[in-house]
Amino acid sequence: MSFELVWQRIQAHQGELFRQVRGGQFTYQVVSGCVVPDRTNRMLPRSDFRKAHERWPLRGPGEIQDLQGPSYVYAILADPRIAAP
């Protein structure tokens, strides 16, 4: 699946509940090309989602520790609402 489609899905599902690997729940908003989770003050850039998407499939957030907010990025990209073909 193209990253553009993935990003469209990320935008379409903002405000919905997502779950991290360890069970933490969060929602997010997309602001100025960044994902902003409600549980942190971080702005996760679209470019980090693209980098993680290029490495897919991943086994978990530990494989993208070099990116901002890896547990959030992984939770969003692995969710069936985003990842389903």
C-alpha atoms as a PDB file:
ATOM      1  CA  MET A   1       0.000   0.000   0.000  1.00  0.00           C
ATOM      2  CA  SER A   2       1.312   3.453  -0.831  1.00  0.00           C
ATOM      3  CA  PHE A   3       2.326   5.827   1.918  1.00  0.00           C
ATOM      4  CA  GLU A   4      -0.090   8.435   0.558  1.00  0.00           C
ATOM      5  CA  LEU A   5      -3.004   6.071   1.234  1.00  0.00           C
ATOM      6  CA  VAL A   6      -1.639   5.313   4.706  1.00  0.00           C
ATOM      7  CA  TRP A   7      -1.379   9.046   5.465  1.00  0.00           C
ATOM      8  CA  GLN A   8      -4.951   9.628   4.241  1.00  0.00           C
ATOM      9  CA  ARG A   9      -6.124   6.900   6.630  1.00  0.00           C
ATOM     10  CA  ILE A  10      -4.116   8.415   9.488  1.00  0.00           C
ATOM     11  CA  GLN A  11      -5.844  11.731   8.852  1.00  0.00           C
ATOM     12  CA  ALA A  12      -9.279  10.105   8.538  1.00  0.00           C
ATOM     13  CA  HIS A  13      -8.994   8.342  11.910  1.00  0.00           C
ATOM     14  CA  GLN A  14      -7.725  11.236  14.010  1.00  0.00           C
ATOM     15  CA  GLY A  15      -9.706  11.625  17.219  1.00  0.00           C
ATOM     16  CA  GLU A  16     -10.340   7.867  17.472  1.00  0.00           C
ATOM     17  CA  LEU A  17      -8.952   5.647  20.227  1.00  0.00           C
ATOM     18  CA  PHE A  18      -5.719   3.752  19.484  1.00  0.00           C
ATOM     19  CA  ARG A  19      -3.806   1.315  21.693  1.00  0.00           C
ATOM     20  CA  GLN A  20      -0.066   0.947  22.194  1.00  0.00           C
ATOM     21  CA  VAL A  21       1.641  -2.441  22.484  1.00  0.00           C
ATOM     22  CA  ARG A  22       1.761  -2.188  26.280  1.00  0.00           C
ATOM     23  CA  GLY A  23      -1.906  -1.227  26.499  1.00  0.00           C
ATOM     24  CA  GLY A  24      -1.770   2.555  26.754  1.00  0.00           C
ATOM     25  CA  GLN A  25      -4.662   4.238  24.986  1.00  0.00           C
ATOM     26  CA  PHE A  26      -4.490   7.528  23.133  1.00  0.00           C
ATOM     27  CA  THR A  27      -6.109   9.675  20.498  1.00  0.00           C
ATOM     28  CA  TYR A  28      -4.338  12.072  18.166  1.00  0.00           C
ATOM     29  CA  GLN A  29      -4.861  15.051  15.899  1.00  0.00           C
ATOM     30  CA  VAL A  30      -3.041  15.849  12.675  1.00  0.00           C
ATOM     31  CA  VAL A  31      -1.684  19.404  12.802  1.00  0.00           C
ATOM     32  CA  SER A  32       0.552  20.955  10.135  1.00  0.00           C
ATOM     33  CA  GLY A  33       1.685  17.579   8.810  1.00  0.00           C
ATOM     34  CA  CYS A  34       2.388  16.163  12.262  1.00  0.00           C
ATOM     35  CA  VAL A  35       0.555  13.681  14.455  1.00  0.00           C
ATOM     36  CA  VAL A  36      -0.015  15.071  17.948  1.00  0.00           C
ATOM     37  CA  PRO A  37      -0.995  12.362  20.486  1.00  0.00           C
ATOM     38  CA  ASP A  38      -3.105  13.500  23.422  1.00  0.00           C
ATOM     39  CA  ARG A  39      -0.809  11.824  26.005  1.00  0.00           C
ATOM     40  CA  THR A  40       2.380  13.697  25.124  1.00  0.00           C
ATOM     41  CA  ASN A  41       3.515  17.143  24.008  1.00  0.00           C
ATOM     42  CA  ARG A  42       5.414  15.650  21.068  1.00  0.00           C
ATOM     43  CA  MET A  43       4.663  16.406  17.452  1.00  0.00           C
ATOM     44  CA  LEU A  44       5.417  13.304  15.398  1.00  0.00           C
ATOM     45  CA  PRO A  45       6.370  14.368  11.876  1.00  0.00           C
ATOM     46  CA  ARG A  46       4.836  12.805   8.798  1.00  0.00           C
ATOM     47  CA  SER A  47       8.377  11.994   7.643  1.00  0.00           C
ATOM     48  CA  ASP A  48       8.840   9.605  10.596  1.00  0.00           C
ATOM     49  CA  PHE A  49       5.652   7.770   9.633  1.00  0.00           C
ATOM     50  CA  ARG A  50       7.004   7.503   6.088  1.00  0.00           C
ATOM     51  CA  LYS A  51      10.327   6.093   7.349  1.00  0.00           C
ATOM     52  CA  ALA A  52       8.531   3.507   9.493  1.00  0.00           C
ATOM     53  CA  HIS A  53       6.247   2.612   6.586  1.00  0.00           C
ATOM     54  CA  GLU A  54       9.282   2.034   4.359  1.00  0.00           C
ATOM     55  CA  ARG A  55      10.648  -0.462   6.925  1.00  0.00           C
ATOM     56  CA  TRP A  56       7.363  -2.352   7.253  1.00  0.00           C
ATOM     57  CA  PRO A  57       6.695  -5.045   8.337  1.00  0.00           C
ATOM     58  CA  LEU A  58       7.989  -4.400  11.840  1.00  0.00           C
ATOM     59  CA  ARG A  59       7.803  -6.675  14.879  1.00  0.00           C
ATOM     60  CA  GLY A  60       7.329  -3.806  17.295  1.00  0.00           C
ATOM     61  CA  PRO A  61       8.252  -0.246  18.239  1.00  0.00           C
ATOM     62  CA  GLY A  62      11.740  -1.349  19.287  1.00  0.00           C
ATOM     63  CA  GLU A  63      12.687  -1.499  15.608  1.00  0.00           C
ATOM     64  CA  ILE A  64      12.008   2.215  15.106  1.00  0.00           C
ATOM     65  CA  GLN A  65      13.632   3.677  18.220  1.00  0.00           C
ATOM     66  CA  ASP A  66      15.459   6.183  16.033  1.00  0.00           C
ATOM     67  CA  LEU A  67      12.130   7.875  15.192  1.00  0.00           C
ATOM     68  CA  GLN A  68      10.107  10.263  17.360  1.00  0.00           C
ATOM     69  CA  GLY A  69       7.478   8.568  19.512  1.00  0.00           C
ATOM     70  CA  PRO A  70       8.074   5.014  18.268  1.00  0.00           C
ATOM     71  CA  SER A  71       5.312   3.473  20.397  1.00  0.00           C
ATOM     72  CA  TYR A  72       2.775   5.897  18.912  1.00  0.00           C
ATOM     73  CA  VAL A  73       4.029   5.530  15.351  1.00  0.00           C
ATOM     74  CA  TYR A  74       3.928   1.747  15.598  1.00  0.00           C
ATOM     75  CA  ALA A  75       0.493   1.689  17.255  1.00  0.00           C
ATOM     76  CA  ILE A  76      -0.987   3.820  14.483  1.00  0.00           C
ATOM     77  CA  LEU A  77       0.666   2.035  11.558  1.00  0.00           C
ATOM     78  CA  ALA A  78      -0.106  -1.448  12.925  1.00  0.00           C
ATOM     79  CA  ASP A  79      -3.767  -0.713  13.633  1.00  0.00           C
ATOM     80  CA  PRO A  80      -6.166  -2.507  11.222  1.00  0.00           C
ATOM     81  CA  ARG A  81      -7.891   0.793  10.405  1.00  0.00           C
ATOM     82  CA  ILE A  82      -4.615   2.020   8.924  1.00  0.00           C
ATOM     83  CA  ALA A  83      -2.877  -1.199   7.835  1.00  0.00           C
ATOM     84  CA  ALA A  84      -5.762  -3.151   6.267  1.00  0.00           C
ATOM     85  CA  PRO A  85      -5.390  -3.638   2.508  1.00  0.00           C
END
